[in-house]
PDB file of N, CA and C in Angstrom:
ATOM      1  N   MET A   1       1.412  21.698  -5.419  1.00  0.00           N
ATOM      2  CA  MET A   1       0.055  22.158  -5.633  1.00  0.00           C
ATOM      3  C   MET A   1      -0.132  23.458  -4.865  1.00  0.00           C
ATOM      4  N   ALA A   2      -0.663  24.449  -5.556  1.00  0.00           N
ATOM      5  CA  ALA A   2      -0.863  25.760  -4.944  1.00  0.00           C
ATOM      6  C   ALA A   2      -2.038  25.711  -3.976  1.00  0.00           C
ATOM      7  N   LYS A   3      -1.968  26.569  -2.964  1.00  0.00           N
ATOM      8  CA  LYS A   3      -3.051  26.638  -1.986  1.00  0.00           C
ATOM      9  C   LYS A   3      -4.289  27.271  -2.616  1.00  0.00           C
ATOM     10  N   GLN A   4      -5.459  26.775  -2.238  1.00  0.00           N
ATOM     11  CA  GLN A   4      -6.726  27.339  -2.676  1.00  0.00           C
ATOM     12  C   GLN A   4      -7.379  28.008  -1.480  1.00  0.00           C
ATOM     13  N   ASN A   5      -8.143  29.066  -1.767  1.00  0.00           N
ATOM     14  CA  ASN A   5      -8.883  29.613  -0.645  1.00  0.00           C
ATOM     15  C   ASN A   5     -10.081  28.706  -0.373  1.00  0.00           C
ATOM     16  N   LEU A   6     -10.698  28.873   0.768  1.00  0.00           N
ATOM     17  CA  LEU A   6     -11.741  27.959   1.228  1.00  0.00           C
ATOM     18  C   LEU A   6     -12.940  27.933   0.291  1.00  0.00           C
ATOM     19  N   GLN A   7     -13.342  29.088  -0.216  1.00  0.00           N
ATOM     20  CA  GLN A   7     -14.506  29.142  -1.103  1.00  0.00           C
ATOM     21  C   GLN A   7     -14.250  28.371  -2.394  1.00  0.00           C
ATOM     22  N   GLU A   8     -13.048  28.511  -2.966  1.00  0.00           N
ATOM     23  CA  GLU A   8     -12.723  27.768  -4.180  1.00  0.00           C
ATOM     24  C   GLU A   8     -12.709  26.271  -3.908  1.00  0.00           C
ATOM     25  N   ARG A   9     -12.192  25.880  -2.763  1.00  0.00           N
ATOM     26  CA  ARG A   9     -12.145  24.459  -2.402  1.00  0.00           C
ATOM     27  C   ARG A   9     -13.540  23.873  -2.259  1.00  0.00           C
ATOM     28  N   PHE A  10     -14.444  24.608  -1.593  1.00  0.00           N
ATOM     29  CA  PHE A  10     -15.826  24.139  -1.455  1.00  0.00           C
ATOM     30  C   PHE A  10     -16.509  24.030  -2.816  1.00  0.00           C
ATOM     31  N   GLN A  11     -16.235  24.982  -3.699  1.00  0.00           N
ATOM     32  CA  GLN A  11     -16.829  24.925  -5.041  1.00  0.00           C
ATOM     33  C   GLN A  11     -16.304  23.715  -5.806  1.00  0.00           C
ATOM     34  N   THR A  12     -15.045  23.395  -5.646  1.00  0.00           N
ATOM     35  CA  THR A  12     -14.480  22.222  -6.297  1.00  0.00           C
ATOM     36  C   THR A  12     -15.113  20.950  -5.747  1.00  0.00           C
ATOM     37  N   LEU A  13     -15.258  20.876  -4.420  1.00  0.00           N
ATOM     38  CA  LEU A  13     -15.872  19.692  -3.802  1.00  0.00           C
ATOM     39  C   LEU A  13     -17.329  19.548  -4.198  1.00  0.00           C
ATOM     40  N   ALA A  14     -18.014  20.684  -4.408  1.00  0.00           N
ATOM     41  CA  ALA A  14     -19.421  20.648  -4.794  1.00  0.00           C
ATOM     42  C   ALA A  14     -19.597  20.338  -6.275  1.00  0.00           C
ATOM     43  N   GLY A  15     -18.500  20.350  -7.037  1.00  0.00           N
ATOM     44  CA  GLY A  15     -18.592  20.052  -8.456  1.00  0.00           C
ATOM     45  C   GLY A  15     -18.819  21.276  -9.315  1.00  0.00           C
ATOM     46  N   ILE A  16     -18.771  22.448  -8.732  1.00  0.00           N
ATOM     47  CA  ILE A  16     -18.961  23.678  -9.501  1.00  0.00           C
ATOM     48  C   ILE A  16     -17.705  23.966 -10.315  1.00  0.00           C
ATOM     49  N   ASN A  17     -16.545  23.855  -9.693  1.00  0.00           N
ATOM     50  CA  ASN A  17     -15.262  24.026 -10.381  1.00  0.00           C
ATOM     51  C   ASN A  17     -14.722  22.657 -10.748  1.00  0.00           C
ATOM     52  N   LYS A  18     -13.957  22.599 -11.831  1.00  0.00           N
ATOM     53  CA  LYS A  18     -13.351  21.332 -12.239  1.00  0.00           C
ATOM     54  C   LYS A  18     -12.199  20.993 -11.305  1.00  0.00           C
ATOM     55  N   LEU A  19     -11.997  19.693 -11.093  1.00  0.00           N
ATOM     56  CA  LEU A  19     -10.870  19.223 -10.290  1.00  0.00           C
ATOM     57  C   LEU A  19      -9.574  19.435 -11.053  1.00  0.00           C
ATOM     58  N   SER A  20      -8.532  19.776 -10.340  1.00  0.00           N
ATOM     59  CA  SER A  20      -7.221  19.880 -10.979  1.00  0.00           C
ATOM     60  C   SER A  20      -6.647  18.472 -11.085  1.00  0.00           C
ATOM     61  N   ILE A  21      -6.101  18.163 -12.231  1.00  0.00           N
ATOM     62  CA  ILE A  21      -5.547  16.840 -12.474  1.00  0.00           C
ATOM     63  C   ILE A  21      -4.056  16.885 -12.148  1.00  0.00           C
ATOM     64  N   LEU A  22      -3.633  15.997 -11.259  1.00  0.00           N
ATOM     65  CA  LEU A  22      -2.232  15.916 -10.881  1.00  0.00           C
ATOM     66  C   LEU A  22      -1.544  14.872 -11.741  1.00  0.00           C
ATOM     67  N   LYS A  23      -0.315  15.144 -12.110  1.00  0.00           N
ATOM     68  CA  LYS A  23       0.477  14.173 -12.844  1.00  0.00           C
ATOM     69  C   LYS A  23       1.028  13.158 -11.847  1.00  0.00           C
ATOM     70  N   GLU A  24       1.331  11.971 -12.333  1.00  0.00           N
ATOM     71  CA  GLU A  24       1.814  10.902 -11.461  1.00  0.00           C
ATOM     72  C   GLU A  24       3.100  11.299 -10.748  1.00  0.00           C
ATOM     73  N   GLU A  25       3.971  12.023 -11.447  1.00  0.00           N
ATOM     74  CA  GLU A  25       5.228  12.454 -10.834  1.00  0.00           C
ATOM     75  C   GLU A  25       4.971  13.394  -9.662  1.00  0.00           C
ATOM     76  N   GLU A  26       3.976  14.290  -9.814  1.00  0.00           N
ATOM     77  CA  GLU A  26       3.654  15.230  -8.736  1.00  0.00           C
ATOM     78  C   GLU A  26       3.125  14.491  -7.509  1.00  0.00           C
ATOM     79  N   VAL A  27       2.270  13.516  -7.749  1.00  0.00           N
ATOM     80  CA  VAL A  27       1.697  12.751  -6.646  1.00  0.00           C
ATOM     81  C   VAL A  27       2.799  11.973  -5.923  1.00  0.00           C
ATOM     82  N   THR A  28       3.680  11.344  -6.688  1.00  0.00           N
ATOM     83  CA  THR A  28       4.780  10.582  -6.097  1.00  0.00           C
ATOM     84  C   THR A  28       5.693  11.492  -5.285  1.00  0.00           C
ATOM     85  N   GLU A  29       5.998  12.667  -5.845  1.00  0.00           N
ATOM     86  CA  GLU A  29       6.861  13.605  -5.139  1.00  0.00           C
ATOM     87  C   GLU A  29       6.226  14.083  -3.838  1.00  0.00           C
ATOM     88  N   GLN A  30       4.922  14.397  -3.892  1.00  0.00           N
ATOM     89  CA  GLN A  30       4.224  14.833  -2.680  1.00  0.00           C
ATOM     90  C   GLN A  30       4.211  13.731  -1.629  1.00  0.00           C
ATOM     91  N   PHE A  31       3.960  12.492  -2.048  1.00  0.00           N
ATOM     92  CA  PHE A  31       3.924  11.370  -1.121  1.00  0.00           C
ATOM     93  C   PHE A  31       5.285  11.164  -0.470  1.00  0.00           C
ATOM     94  N   MET A  32       6.342  11.201  -1.285  1.00  0.00           N
ATOM     95  CA  MET A  32       7.680  10.987  -0.737  1.00  0.00           C
ATOM     96  C   MET A  32       8.066  12.119   0.218  1.00  0.00           C
ATOM     97  N   ASN A  33       7.676  13.347  -0.099  1.00  0.00           N
ATOM     98  CA  ASN A  33       7.960  14.468   0.804  1.00  0.00           C
ATOM     99  C   ASN A  33       7.245  14.285   2.139  1.00  0.00           C
ATOM    100  N   ARG A  34       6.004  13.808   2.082  1.00  0.00           N
ATOM    101  CA  ARG A  34       5.257  13.573   3.323  1.00  0.00           C
ATOM    102  C   ARG A  34       5.870  12.436   4.128  1.00  0.00           C
ATOM    103  N   MET A  35       6.357  11.411   3.431  1.00  0.00           N
ATOM    104  CA  MET A  35       6.986  10.284   4.129  1.00  0.00           C
ATOM    105  C   MET A  35       8.260  10.738   4.837  1.00  0.00           C
ATOM    106  N   GLU A  36       9.034  11.618   4.187  1.00  0.00           N
ATOM    107  CA  GLU A  36      10.264  12.109   4.801  1.00  0.00           C
ATOM    108  C   GLU A  36       9.962  13.045   5.963  1.00  0.00           C
ATOM    109  N   ALA A  37       8.900  13.837   5.830  1.00  0.00           N
ATOM    110  CA  ALA A  37       8.566  14.801   6.870  1.00  0.00           C
ATOM    111  C   ALA A  37       7.964  14.127   8.104  1.00  0.00           C
ATOM    112  N   ASN A  38       7.264  13.014   7.907  1.00  0.00           N
ATOM    113  CA  ASN A  38       6.578  12.357   9.016  1.00  0.00           C
ATOM    114  C   ASN A  38       6.890  10.858   8.989  1.00  0.00           C
ATOM    115  N   PRO A  39       7.860  10.392   9.766  1.00  0.00           N
ATOM    116  CA  PRO A  39       8.229   8.974   9.753  1.00  0.00           C
ATOM    117  C   PRO A  39       7.102   8.041  10.202  1.00  0.00           C
ATOM    118  N   MET A  40       6.108   8.572  10.894  1.00  0.00           N
ATOM    119  CA  MET A  40       4.987   7.735  11.324  1.00  0.00           C
ATOM    120  C   MET A  40       4.207   7.199  10.129  1.00  0.00           C
ATOM    121  N   LEU A  41       4.244   7.908   8.992  1.00  0.00           N
ATOM    122  CA  LEU A  41       3.532   7.437   7.809  1.00  0.00           C
ATOM    123  C   LEU A  41       4.089   6.107   7.321  1.00  0.00           C
ATOM    124  N   LYS A  42       5.398   5.917   7.450  1.00  0.00           N
ATOM    125  CA  LYS A  42       5.998   4.640   7.053  1.00  0.00           C
ATOM    126  C   LYS A  42       5.422   3.512   7.897  1.00  0.00           C
ATOM    127  N   GLU A  43       5.336   3.751   9.194  1.00  0.00           N
ATOM    128  CA  GLU A  43       4.784   2.738  10.089  1.00  0.00           C
ATOM    129  C   GLU A  43       3.316   2.465   9.751  1.00  0.00           C
ATOM    130  N   GLU A  44       2.574   3.524   9.466  1.00  0.00           N
ATOM    131  CA  GLU A  44       1.163   3.351   9.120  1.00  0.00           C
ATOM    132  C   GLU A  44       1.009   2.592   7.814  1.00  0.00           C
ATOM    133  N   LEU A  45       1.888   2.870   6.849  1.00  0.00           N
ATOM    134  CA  LEU A  45       1.828   2.176   5.564  1.00  0.00           C
ATOM    135  C   LEU A  45       2.063   0.680   5.753  1.00  0.00           C
ATOM    136  N   PHE A  46       3.101   0.324   6.516  1.00  0.00           N
ATOM    137  CA  PHE A  46       3.386  -1.088   6.726  1.00  0.00           C
ATOM    138  C   PHE A  46       2.323  -1.758   7.598  1.00  0.00           C
ATOM    139  N   THR A  47       1.717  -1.004   8.495  1.00  0.00           N
ATOM    140  CA  THR A  47       0.609  -1.554   9.285  1.00  0.00           C
ATOM    141  C   THR A  47      -0.574  -1.858   8.380  1.00  0.00           C
ATOM    142  N   ALA A  48      -0.838  -0.959   7.445  1.00  0.00           N
ATOM    143  CA  ALA A  48      -1.937  -1.188   6.496  1.00  0.00           C
ATOM    144  C   ALA A  48      -1.653  -2.397   5.619  1.00  0.00           C
ATOM    145  N   LEU A  49      -0.402  -2.545   5.165  1.00  0.00           N
ATOM    146  CA  LEU A  49      -0.045  -3.713   4.360  1.00  0.00           C
ATOM    147  C   LEU A  49      -0.201  -5.006   5.157  1.00  0.00           C
ATOM    148  N   ALA A  50       0.217  -4.979   6.417  1.00  0.00           N
ATOM    149  CA  ALA A  50       0.067  -6.167   7.258  1.00  0.00           C
ATOM    150  C   ALA A  50      -1.405  -6.486   7.485  1.00  0.00           C
ATOM    151  N   GLY A  51      -2.216  -5.444   7.658  1.00  0.00           N
ATOM    152  CA  GLY A  51      -3.657  -5.649   7.819  1.00  0.00           C
ATOM    153  C   GLY A  51      -4.280  -6.256   6.573  1.00  0.00           C
ATOM    154  N   MET A  52      -3.838  -5.758   5.409  1.00  0.00           N
ATOM    155  CA  MET A  52      -4.353  -6.300   4.150  1.00  0.00           C
ATOM    156  C   MET A  52      -3.972  -7.771   4.014  1.00  0.00           C
ATOM    157  N   ALA A  53      -2.738  -8.105   4.372  1.00  0.00           N
ATOM    158  CA  ALA A  53      -2.310  -9.505   4.316  1.00  0.00           C
ATOM    159  C   ALA A  53      -3.138 -10.353   5.277  1.00  0.00           C
ATOM    160  N   GLY A  54      -3.464  -9.799   6.442  1.00  0.00           N
ATOM    161  CA  GLY A  54      -4.292 -10.523   7.401  1.00  0.00           C
ATOM    162  C   GLY A  54      -5.694 -10.766   6.888  1.00  0.00           C
ATOM    163  N   ILE A  55      -6.266  -9.761   6.244  1.00  0.00           N
ATOM    164  CA  ILE A  55      -7.625  -9.907   5.698  1.00  0.00           C
ATOM    165  C   ILE A  55      -7.644 -10.962   4.612  1.00  0.00           C
ATOM    166  N   LEU A  56      -6.668 -10.913   3.707  1.00  0.00           N
ATOM    167  CA  LEU A  56      -6.616 -11.922   2.652  1.00  0.00           C
ATOM    168  C   LEU A  56      -6.369 -13.309   3.241  1.00  0.00           C
ATOM    169  N   GLY A  57      -5.536 -13.360   4.270  1.00  0.00           N
ATOM    170  CA  GLY A  57      -5.259 -14.646   4.912  1.00  0.00           C
ATOM    171  C   GLY A  57      -6.501 -15.239   5.551  1.00  0.00           C
ATOM    172  N   MET A  58      -7.321 -14.385   6.148  1.00  0.00           N
ATOM    173  CA  MET A  58      -8.560 -14.864   6.759  1.00  0.00           C
ATOM    174  C   MET A  58      -9.495 -15.440   5.715  1.00  0.00           C
ATOM    175  N   ALA A  59      -9.413 -14.948   4.518  1.00  0.00           N
ATOM    176  CA  ALA A  59     -10.259 -15.476   3.450  1.00  0.00           C
ATOM    177  C   ALA A  59      -9.732 -16.819   2.944  1.00  0.00           C
ATOM    178  N   GLY A  60      -8.532 -17.170   3.332  1.00  0.00           N
ATOM    179  CA  GLY A  60      -7.976 -18.452   2.921  1.00  0.00           C
ATOM    180  C   GLY A  60      -7.290 -18.413   1.570  1.00  0.00           C
ATOM    181  N   VAL A  61      -7.317 -17.266   0.937  1.00  0.00           N
ATOM    182  CA  VAL A  61      -6.740 -17.154  -0.397  1.00  0.00           C
ATOM    183  C   VAL A  61      -5.229 -17.256  -0.358  1.00  0.00           C
ATOM    184  N   THR A  62      -4.613 -16.537   0.563  1.00  0.00           N
ATOM    185  CA  THR A  62      -3.153 -16.495   0.576  1.00  0.00           C
ATOM    186  C   THR A  62      -2.549 -17.839   0.948  1.00  0.00           C
ATOM    187  N   GLY A  63      -3.230 -18.610   1.777  1.00  0.00           N
ATOM    188  CA  GLY A  63      -2.700 -19.921   2.152  1.00  0.00           C
ATOM    189  C   GLY A  63      -2.547 -20.833   0.959  1.00  0.00           C
ATOM    190  N   GLN A  64      -3.543 -20.838   0.101  1.00  0.00           N
ATOM    191  CA  GLN A  64      -3.489 -21.690  -1.085  1.00  0.00           C
ATOM    192  C   GLN A  64      -2.445 -21.202  -2.077  1.00  0.00           C
ATOM    193  N   ILE A  65      -2.379 -19.871  -2.268  1.00  0.00           N
ATOM    194  CA  ILE A  65      -1.394 -19.323  -3.203  1.00  0.00           C
ATOM    195  C   ILE A  65       0.019 -19.523  -2.656  1.00  0.00           C
ATOM    196  N   GLN A  66       0.178 -19.314  -1.360  1.00  0.00           N
ATOM    197  CA  GLN A  66       1.498 -19.485  -0.756  1.00  0.00           C
ATOM    198  C   GLN A  66       1.958 -20.940  -0.855  1.00  0.00           C
ATOM    199  N   ALA A  67       1.034 -21.877  -0.680  1.00  0.00           N
ATOM    200  CA  ALA A  67       1.382 -23.289  -0.820  1.00  0.00           C
ATOM    201  C   ALA A  67       1.806 -23.586  -2.255  1.00  0.00           C
ATOM    202  N   ALA A  68       1.121 -22.958  -3.206  1.00  0.00           N
ATOM    203  CA  ALA A  68       1.493 -23.152  -4.608  1.00  0.00           C
ATOM    204  C   ALA A  68       2.852 -22.525  -4.905  1.00  0.00           C
ATOM    205  N   MET A  69       3.185 -21.421  -4.241  1.00  0.00           N
ATOM    206  CA  MET A  69       4.463 -20.740  -4.473  1.00  0.00           C
ATOM    207  C   MET A  69       5.640 -21.549  -3.920  1.00  0.00           C
ATOM    208  N   GLU A  70       5.379 -22.516  -3.033  1.00  0.00           N
ATOM    209  CA  GLU A  70       6.450 -23.357  -2.511  1.00  0.00           C
ATOM    210  C   GLU A  70       6.948 -24.341  -3.576  1.00  0.00           C
ATOM    211  N   ASP A  71       6.126 -24.594  -4.583  1.00  0.00           N
ATOM    212  CA  ASP A  71       6.533 -25.440  -5.698  1.00  0.00           C
ATOM    213  C   ASP A  71       7.480 -24.625  -6.588  1.00  0.00           C
ATOM    214  N   PRO A  72       8.721 -25.068  -6.766  1.00  0.00           N
ATOM    215  CA  PRO A  72       9.693 -24.274  -7.534  1.00  0.00           C
ATOM    216  C   PRO A  72       9.265 -23.980  -8.968  1.00  0.00           C
ATOM    217  N   SER A  73       8.567 -24.905  -9.616  1.00  0.00           N
ATOM    218  CA  SER A  73       8.163 -24.669 -11.001  1.00  0.00           C
ATOM    219  C   SER A  73       7.136 -23.538 -11.092  1.00  0.00           C
ATOM    220  N   ILE A  74       6.228 -23.475 -10.135  1.00  0.00           N
ATOM    221  CA  ILE A  74       5.232 -22.398 -10.131  1.00  0.00           C
ATOM    222  C   ILE A  74       5.896 -21.078  -9.754  1.00  0.00           C
ATOM    223  N   ALA A  75       6.827 -21.121  -8.798  1.00  0.00           N
ATOM    224  CA  ALA A  75       7.537 -19.900  -8.403  1.00  0.00           C
ATOM    225  C   ALA A  75       8.343 -19.337  -9.568  1.00  0.00           C
ATOM    226  N   GLU A  76       8.911 -20.224 -10.409  1.00  0.00           N
ATOM    227  CA  GLU A  76       9.630 -19.752 -11.591  1.00  0.00           C
ATOM    228  C   GLU A  76       8.685 -19.156 -12.617  1.00  0.00           C
ATOM    229  N   LYS A  77       7.519 -19.731 -12.717  1.00  0.00           N
ATOM    230  CA  LYS A  77       6.536 -19.256 -13.696  1.00  0.00           C
ATOM    231  C   LYS A  77       5.961 -17.898 -13.291  1.00  0.00           C
ATOM    232  N   TYR A  78       5.805 -17.643 -11.998  1.00  0.00           N
ATOM    233  CA  TYR A  78       5.239 -16.393 -11.482  1.00  0.00           C
ATOM    234  C   TYR A  78       6.214 -15.752 -10.495  1.00  0.00           C
ATOM    235  N   PRO A  79       7.326 -15.200 -10.985  1.00  0.00           N
ATOM    236  CA  PRO A  79       8.329 -14.636 -10.055  1.00  0.00           C
ATOM    237  C   PRO A  79       7.810 -13.426  -9.271  1.00  0.00           C
ATOM    238  N   ALA A  80       6.924 -12.639  -9.869  1.00  0.00           N
ATOM    239  CA  ALA A  80       6.397 -11.466  -9.157  1.00  0.00           C
ATOM    240  C   ALA A  80       5.568 -11.906  -7.958  1.00  0.00           C
ATOM    241  N   LEU A  81       4.743 -12.926  -8.140  1.00  0.00           N
ATOM    242  CA  LEU A  81       3.936 -13.434  -7.021  1.00  0.00           C
ATOM    243  C   LEU A  81       4.827 -14.014  -5.930  1.00  0.00           C
ATOM    244  N   ALA A  82       5.872 -14.728  -6.339  1.00  0.00           N
ATOM    245  CA  ALA A  82       6.776 -15.304  -5.348  1.00  0.00           C
ATOM    246  C   ALA A  82       7.448 -14.195  -4.537  1.00  0.00           C
ATOM    247  N   LYS A  83       7.826 -13.114  -5.211  1.00  0.00           N
ATOM    248  CA  LYS A  83       8.463 -11.989  -4.522  1.00  0.00           C
ATOM    249  C   LYS A  83       7.490 -11.316  -3.560  1.00  0.00           C
ATOM    250  N   ILE A  84       6.257 -11.103  -4.009  1.00  0.00           N
ATOM    251  CA  ILE A  84       5.237 -10.462  -3.165  1.00  0.00           C
ATOM    252  C   ILE A  84       4.957 -11.304  -1.931  1.00  0.00           C
ATOM    253  N   PHE A  85       4.790 -12.616  -2.116  1.00  0.00           N
ATOM    254  CA  PHE A  85       4.476 -13.463  -0.966  1.00  0.00           C
ATOM    255  C   PHE A  85       5.671 -13.615  -0.032  1.00  0.00           C
ATOM    256  N   GLY A  86       6.875 -13.537  -0.569  1.00  0.00           N
ATOM    257  CA  GLY A  86       8.053 -13.522   0.291  1.00  0.00           C
ATOM    258  C   GLY A  86       8.074 -12.270   1.154  1.00  0.00           C
ATOM    259  N   PHE A  87       7.719 -11.138   0.546  1.00  0.00           N
ATOM    260  CA  PHE A  87       7.653  -9.860   1.270  1.00  0.00           C
ATOM    261  C   PHE A  87       6.558  -9.900   2.326  1.00  0.00           C
ATOM    262  N   LEU A  88       5.382 -10.396   1.964  1.00  0.00           N
ATOM    263  CA  LEU A  88       4.272 -10.460   2.917  1.00  0.00           C
ATOM    264  C   LEU A  88       4.579 -11.419   4.072  1.00  0.00           C
ATOM    265  N   THR A  89       5.291 -12.504   3.780  1.00  0.00           N
ATOM    266  CA  THR A  89       5.673 -13.436   4.838  1.00  0.00           C
ATOM    267  C   THR A  89       6.625 -12.774   5.822  1.00  0.00           C
ATOM    268  N   LYS A  90       7.555 -11.994   5.278  1.00  0.00           N
ATOM    269  CA  LYS A  90       8.508 -11.281   6.137  1.00  0.00           C
ATOM    270  C   LYS A  90       7.772 -10.258   7.008  1.00  0.00           C
ATOM    271  N   ILE A  91       6.844  -9.510   6.409  1.00  0.00           N
ATOM    272  CA  ILE A  91       6.061  -8.529   7.172  1.00  0.00           C
ATOM    273  C   ILE A  91       5.245  -9.229   8.262  1.00  0.00           C
ATOM    274  N   GLY A  92       4.577 -10.324   7.882  1.00  0.00           N
ATOM    275  CA  GLY A  92       3.769 -11.062   8.854  1.00  0.00           C
ATOM    276  C   GLY A  92       4.592 -11.578  10.019  1.00  0.00           C
ATOM    277  N   GLY A  93       5.795 -12.081   9.720  1.00  0.00           N
ATOM    278  CA  GLY A  93       6.673 -12.565  10.787  1.00  0.00           C
ATOM    279  C   GLY A  93       7.120 -11.444  11.713  1.00  0.00           C
ATOM    280  N   ASP A  94       7.445 -10.285  11.113  1.00  0.00           N
ATOM    281  CA  ASP A  94       7.862  -9.141  11.927  1.00  0.00           C
ATOM    282  C   ASP A  94       6.709  -8.597  12.769  1.00  0.00           C
ATOM    283  N   VAL A  95       5.513  -8.567  12.189  1.00  0.00           N
ATOM    284  CA  VAL A  95       4.342  -8.090  12.945  1.00  0.00           C
ATOM    285  C   VAL A  95       4.040  -9.047  14.086  1.00  0.00           C
ATOM    286  N   GLY A  96       4.106 -10.352  13.805  1.00  0.00           N
ATOM    287  CA  GLY A  96       3.855 -11.341  14.862  1.00  0.00           C
ATOM    288  C   GLY A  96       4.859 -11.238  15.993  1.00  0.00           C
ATOM    289  N   ALA A  97       6.133 -11.019  15.629  1.00  0.00           N
ATOM    290  CA  ALA A  97       7.156 -10.868  16.661  1.00  0.00           C
ATOM    291  C   ALA A  97       6.926  -9.580  17.461  1.00  0.00           C
ATOM    292  N   GLY A  98       6.472  -8.528  16.782  1.00  0.00           N
ATOM    293  CA  GLY A  98       6.204  -7.258  17.456  1.00  0.00           C
ATOM    294  C   GLY A  98       5.031  -7.347  18.402  1.00  0.00           C
ATOM    295  N   ILE A  99       4.039  -8.145  18.048  1.00  0.00           N
ATOM    296  CA  ILE A  99       2.855  -8.291  18.913  1.00  0.00           C
ATOM    297  C   ILE A  99       3.209  -9.049  20.187  1.00  0.00           C
ATOM    298  N   LYS A 100       4.083 -10.048  20.056  1.00  0.00           N
ATOM    299  CA  LYS A 100       4.482 -10.835  21.235  1.00  0.00           C
ATOM    300  C   LYS A 100       5.299  -9.956  22.147  1.00  0.00           C
TER     301      LYS A 100
END
């Protein structure tokens, strides 16, 4: 994305100029470049994911879904959910170990 001067940026934010539409590939490329340039972003991303898992857990939603995922027939029926909850469990365990 090309640099804008300050006046053009303010006009865009004010709605005077139209927003430039970024393609998904451009956004992904920019994100990956930022992740490579600043390793702290990786830590922040995983911290945010752990926080999200904590918020959902406090609501009691994840406990019920996780209990259902322990049933092999349900885990076979919803493999994506089983994979996500396996990942979140691993993150939660690592965060808990890091806090101790």
